[in-house]
Amino acid sequence: MPVVAPPDPKTMTGGGSDDMGDISWVTPSMWLSYPSNIPNLPGHHWSNAVAMATPIAHKGIVAGGKAHAMTMIDLFTDPELMAEVQDYFDNVQTKDVKYQSFLRDTDEPQIHLNEKIMGEFREKLKPFYYDPEKYDTYLEQLGVEYPMVKK
């Protein structure tokens, strides 16, 4: 996919959700996307999880890891580039909009909400925890042979 400019915040209607949104309002941050899954799979579905364990995904993750590493080398070795990043953060991203978390200092994680379901399934899930000491891949542990073009 080509590198594209960030979407216009006035027309952006949604996207993924994680704690990166909170972090990116406190410090300069970036998000790199790279191909590490099969296109058009339904999110949060078992087919996504299995696809992530394939050689195709591994190649994408390796390529993405290299892009991350090269980007960090650029940032750490070019003080002018790092200054530009900080300038954008201070004078564009956070110039007119200041972040305020929805969480209060007194808020506690609601881990009790999953207590019953985790009590029911935790022991049943343990045989499926990946053991890298015994297996090279999670698919190998599950006994799944993935068809390879080359051996």
C-alpha atoms as a PDB file:
ATOM      1  CA  MET A   1       0.000   0.000   0.000  1.00  0.00           C
ATOM      2  CA  PRO A   2       1.254   3.518  -0.650  1.00  0.00           C
ATOM      3  CA  VAL A   3       2.163   5.843   2.217  1.00  0.00           C
ATOM      4  CA  VAL A   4      -0.731   8.251   2.691  1.00  0.00           C
ATOM      5  CA  ALA A   5      -1.315  11.409   4.693  1.00  0.00           C
ATOM      6  CA  PRO A   6      -3.280  11.143   7.942  1.00  0.00           C
ATOM      7  CA  PRO A   7      -7.053  11.510   7.559  1.00  0.00           C
ATOM      8  CA  ASP A   8      -8.662  14.898   8.086  1.00  0.00           C
ATOM      9  CA  PRO A   9      -9.897  14.923  11.710  1.00  0.00           C
ATOM     10  CA  LYS A  10     -13.031  16.810  10.588  1.00  0.00           C
ATOM     11  CA  THR A  11     -14.149  13.938   8.354  1.00  0.00           C
ATOM     12  CA  MET A  12     -12.717  10.928  10.204  1.00  0.00           C
ATOM     13  CA  THR A  13     -15.584   8.828  11.516  1.00  0.00           C
ATOM     14  CA  GLY A  14     -13.816   6.070  13.437  1.00  0.00           C
ATOM     15  CA  GLY A  15     -11.190   3.408  13.493  1.00  0.00           C
ATOM     16  CA  GLY A  16      -9.458   1.003  15.823  1.00  0.00           C
ATOM     17  CA  SER A  17      -9.221   1.602  19.535  1.00  0.00           C
ATOM     18  CA  ASP A  18      -6.373   1.097  21.988  1.00  0.00           C
ATOM     19  CA  ASP A  19      -4.328   3.015  24.549  1.00  0.00           C
ATOM     20  CA  MET A  20      -2.223   4.554  21.765  1.00  0.00           C
ATOM     21  CA  GLY A  21      -4.871   7.269  21.540  1.00  0.00           C
ATOM     22  CA  ASP A  22      -4.166   8.347  25.116  1.00  0.00           C
ATOM     23  CA  ILE A  23      -0.384   8.143  24.696  1.00  0.00           C
ATOM     24  CA  SER A  24      -0.323  10.124  21.467  1.00  0.00           C
ATOM     25  CA  TRP A  25      -1.786  13.163  23.239  1.00  0.00           C
ATOM     26  CA  VAL A  26       0.989  13.175  25.842  1.00  0.00           C
ATOM     27  CA  THR A  27       4.075  12.556  23.710  1.00  0.00           C
ATOM     28  CA  PRO A  28       4.909  12.546  20.003  1.00  0.00           C
ATOM     29  CA  SER A  29       3.895   9.177  18.602  1.00  0.00           C
ATOM     30  CA  MET A  30       3.545   7.431  15.285  1.00  0.00           C
ATOM     31  CA  TRP A  31       1.714   4.450  13.922  1.00  0.00           C
ATOM     32  CA  LEU A  32       3.178   2.261  11.206  1.00  0.00           C
ATOM     33  CA  SER A  33       0.947  -0.135   9.302  1.00  0.00           C
ATOM     34  CA  TYR A  34       2.299  -3.042   7.319  1.00  0.00           C
ATOM     35  CA  PRO A  35       0.866  -6.213   5.769  1.00  0.00           C
ATOM     36  CA  SER A  36       0.839  -8.961   8.378  1.00  0.00           C
ATOM     37  CA  ASN A  37      -2.565 -10.498   7.822  1.00  0.00           C
ATOM     38  CA  ILE A  38      -4.830 -11.663   5.040  1.00  0.00           C
ATOM     39  CA  PRO A  39      -6.865  -8.730   3.624  1.00  0.00           C
ATOM     40  CA  ASN A  40     -10.594  -8.394   4.329  1.00  0.00           C
ATOM     41  CA  LEU A  41     -10.879 -10.870   7.193  1.00  0.00           C
ATOM     42  CA  PRO A  42     -13.475  -9.980   9.834  1.00  0.00           C
ATOM     43  CA  GLY A  43     -11.855  -8.314  12.847  1.00  0.00           C
ATOM     44  CA  HIS A  44     -11.840 -10.072  16.223  1.00  0.00           C
ATOM     45  CA  HIS A  45     -12.560 -13.434  14.590  1.00  0.00           C
ATOM     46  CA  TRP A  46     -10.741 -16.792  14.856  1.00  0.00           C
ATOM     47  CA  SER A  47      -9.746 -16.541  11.172  1.00  0.00           C
ATOM     48  CA  ASN A  48      -7.653 -13.452  11.993  1.00  0.00           C
ATOM     49  CA  ALA A  49      -5.916 -15.299  14.816  1.00  0.00           C
ATOM     50  CA  VAL A  50      -5.054 -18.277  12.611  1.00  0.00           C
ATOM     51  CA  ALA A  51      -3.939 -16.044   9.749  1.00  0.00           C
ATOM     52  CA  MET A  52      -1.453 -14.349  12.103  1.00  0.00           C
ATOM     53  CA  ALA A  53       0.307 -17.708  12.566  1.00  0.00           C
ATOM     54  CA  THR A  54       1.040 -18.202   8.850  1.00  0.00           C
ATOM     55  CA  PRO A  55       4.287 -17.689   6.930  1.00  0.00           C
ATOM     56  CA  ILE A  56       2.635 -14.813   5.059  1.00  0.00           C
ATOM     57  CA  ALA A  57       2.037 -12.992   8.339  1.00  0.00           C
ATOM     58  CA  HIS A  58       5.573 -13.772   9.510  1.00  0.00           C
ATOM     59  CA  LYS A  59       7.027 -12.166   6.363  1.00  0.00           C
ATOM     60  CA  GLY A  60       4.872  -9.081   6.892  1.00  0.00           C
ATOM     61  CA  ILE A  61       5.861  -8.796  10.550  1.00  0.00           C
ATOM     62  CA  VAL A  62       9.560  -9.119   9.685  1.00  0.00           C
ATOM     63  CA  ALA A  63       9.199  -6.381   7.038  1.00  0.00           C
ATOM     64  CA  GLY A  64       7.257  -4.219   9.506  1.00  0.00           C
ATOM     65  CA  GLY A  65       9.872  -4.791  12.206  1.00  0.00           C
ATOM     66  CA  LYS A  66      12.573  -3.626   9.802  1.00  0.00           C
ATOM     67  CA  ALA A  67      10.547  -0.501   8.984  1.00  0.00           C
ATOM     68  CA  HIS A  68      10.159   0.212  12.713  1.00  0.00           C
ATOM     69  CA  ALA A  69      13.884  -0.258  13.318  1.00  0.00           C
ATOM     70  CA  MET A  70      14.938   1.915  10.357  1.00  0.00           C
ATOM     71  CA  THR A  71      12.521   4.644  11.450  1.00  0.00           C
ATOM     72  CA  MET A  72      13.968   4.640  14.966  1.00  0.00           C
ATOM     73  CA  ILE A  73      17.521   4.791  13.599  1.00  0.00           C
ATOM     74  CA  ASP A  74      16.514   7.824  11.522  1.00  0.00           C
ATOM     75  CA  LEU A  75      14.961   9.519  14.558  1.00  0.00           C
ATOM     76  CA  PHE A  76      17.845   8.751  16.925  1.00  0.00           C
ATOM     77  CA  THR A  77      20.566   9.795  14.490  1.00  0.00           C
ATOM     78  CA  ASP A  78      18.982  12.945  13.058  1.00  0.00           C
ATOM     79  CA  PRO A  79      18.434  15.633  15.725  1.00  0.00           C
ATOM     80  CA  GLU A  80      16.772  17.891  13.153  1.00  0.00           C
ATOM     81  CA  LEU A  81      14.174  15.236  12.365  1.00  0.00           C
ATOM     82  CA  MET A  82      13.473  14.732  16.077  1.00  0.00           C
ATOM     83  CA  ALA A  83      13.043  18.503  16.465  1.00  0.00           C
ATOM     84  CA  GLU A  84      10.544  18.503  13.569  1.00  0.00           C
ATOM     85  CA  VAL A  85       8.562  15.736  15.273  1.00  0.00           C
ATOM     86  CA  GLN A  86       8.426  17.677  18.536  1.00  0.00           C
ATOM     87  CA  ASP A  87       7.522  20.890  16.692  1.00  0.00           C
ATOM     88  CA  TYR A  88       4.602  19.175  14.933  1.00  0.00           C
ATOM     89  CA  PHE A  89       3.387  17.732  18.231  1.00  0.00           C
ATOM     90  CA  ASP A  90       3.585  21.090  20.047  1.00  0.00           C
ATOM     91  CA  ASN A  91       2.438  23.451  17.293  1.00  0.00           C
ATOM     92  CA  VAL A  92       0.005  21.393  15.217  1.00  0.00           C
ATOM     93  CA  GLN A  93      -1.328  18.293  16.984  1.00  0.00           C
ATOM     94  CA  THR A  94      -1.762  19.798  20.452  1.00  0.00           C
ATOM     95  CA  LYS A  95      -1.822  23.516  19.588  1.00  0.00           C
ATOM     96  CA  ASP A  96      -5.572  24.072  19.872  1.00  0.00           C
ATOM     97  CA  VAL A  97      -6.806  20.839  21.447  1.00  0.00           C
ATOM     98  CA  LYS A  98      -5.596  19.771  24.885  1.00  0.00           C
ATOM     99  CA  TYR A  99      -6.067  16.198  26.010  1.00  0.00           C
ATOM    100  CA  GLN A 100      -8.008  15.302  29.135  1.00  0.00           C
ATOM    101  CA  SER A 101      -8.415  11.641  30.021  1.00  0.00           C
ATOM    102  CA  PHE A 102     -11.870  10.232  30.655  1.00  0.00           C
ATOM    103  CA  LEU A 103     -10.377   8.238  33.533  1.00  0.00           C
ATOM    104  CA  ARG A 104     -10.292   9.747  36.990  1.00  0.00           C
ATOM    105  CA  ASP A 105      -7.510   9.130  39.522  1.00  0.00           C
ATOM    106  CA  THR A 106      -9.987   7.140  41.617  1.00  0.00           C
ATOM    107  CA  ASP A 107     -11.132   4.815  38.774  1.00  0.00           C
ATOM    108  CA  GLU A 108     -10.283   1.133  39.260  1.00  0.00           C
ATOM    109  CA  PRO A 109     -10.080  -1.569  36.552  1.00  0.00           C
ATOM    110  CA  GLN A 110     -13.309  -3.573  36.460  1.00  0.00           C
ATOM    111  CA  ILE A 111     -11.609  -6.972  36.516  1.00  0.00           C
ATOM    112  CA  HIS A 112     -14.446  -8.467  38.575  1.00  0.00           C
ATOM    113  CA  LEU A 113     -16.660  -8.305  35.455  1.00  0.00           C
ATOM    114  CA  ASN A 114     -14.716 -11.227  33.915  1.00  0.00           C
ATOM    115  CA  GLU A 115     -14.214 -13.179  37.133  1.00  0.00           C
ATOM    116  CA  LYS A 116     -16.957 -15.755  36.496  1.00  0.00           C
ATOM    117  CA  ILE A 117     -16.081 -16.455  32.855  1.00  0.00           C
ATOM    118  CA  MET A 118     -12.338 -16.636  33.577  1.00  0.00           C
ATOM    119  CA  GLY A 119     -13.011 -18.981  36.491  1.00  0.00           C
ATOM    120  CA  GLU A 120     -14.953 -21.225  34.136  1.00  0.00           C
ATOM    121  CA  PHE A 121     -12.503 -21.237  31.213  1.00  0.00           C
ATOM    122  CA  ARG A 122      -8.978 -20.523  32.562  1.00  0.00           C
ATOM    123  CA  GLU A 123      -8.087 -24.185  33.174  1.00  0.00           C
ATOM    124  CA  LYS A 124      -9.622 -25.229  29.854  1.00  0.00           C
ATOM    125  CA  LEU A 125      -7.483 -22.631  28.028  1.00  0.00           C
ATOM    126  CA  LYS A 126      -4.145 -23.620  29.603  1.00  0.00           C
ATOM    127  CA  PRO A 127      -3.458 -26.490  27.157  1.00  0.00           C
ATOM    128  CA  PHE A 128      -3.629 -23.902  24.359  1.00  0.00           C
ATOM    129  CA  TYR A 129      -1.052 -21.502  25.826  1.00  0.00           C
ATOM    130  CA  TYR A 130       1.911 -21.348  23.446  1.00  0.00           C
ATOM    131  CA  ASP A 131       5.033 -23.116  24.761  1.00  0.00           C
ATOM    132  CA  PRO A 132       8.089 -21.785  22.862  1.00  0.00           C
ATOM    133  CA  GLU A 133      10.360 -24.173  24.795  1.00  0.00           C
ATOM    134  CA  LYS A 134       8.760 -27.173  23.056  1.00  0.00           C
ATOM    135  CA  TYR A 135       7.529 -25.802  19.718  1.00  0.00           C
ATOM    136  CA  ASP A 136       8.875 -23.539  16.994  1.00  0.00           C
ATOM    137  CA  THR A 137       5.412 -22.168  16.163  1.00  0.00           C
ATOM    138  CA  TYR A 138       1.945 -22.122  17.679  1.00  0.00           C
ATOM    139  CA  LEU A 139       0.611 -24.033  14.661  1.00  0.00           C
ATOM    140  CA  GLU A 140       3.134 -26.798  15.344  1.00  0.00           C
ATOM    141  CA  GLN A 141       1.923 -26.981  18.949  1.00  0.00           C
ATOM    142  CA  LEU A 142      -1.663 -27.339  17.734  1.00  0.00           C
ATOM    143  CA  GLY A 143      -0.613 -30.058  15.283  1.00  0.00           C
ATOM    144  CA  VAL A 144      -1.510 -27.958  12.249  1.00  0.00           C
ATOM    145  CA  GLU A 145       0.661 -28.472   9.179  1.00  0.00           C
ATOM    146  CA  TYR A 146       0.636 -25.354   7.065  1.00  0.00           C
ATOM    147  CA  PRO A 147       1.247 -26.037   3.346  1.00  0.00           C
ATOM    148  CA  MET A 148       4.606 -24.589   2.347  1.00  0.00           C
ATOM    149  CA  VAL A 149       5.798 -23.726  -1.153  1.00  0.00           C
ATOM    150  CA  LYS A 150       9.367 -24.631  -0.156  1.00  0.00           C
ATOM    151  CA  LYS A 151      10.609 -26.964   2.547  1.00  0.00           C
END
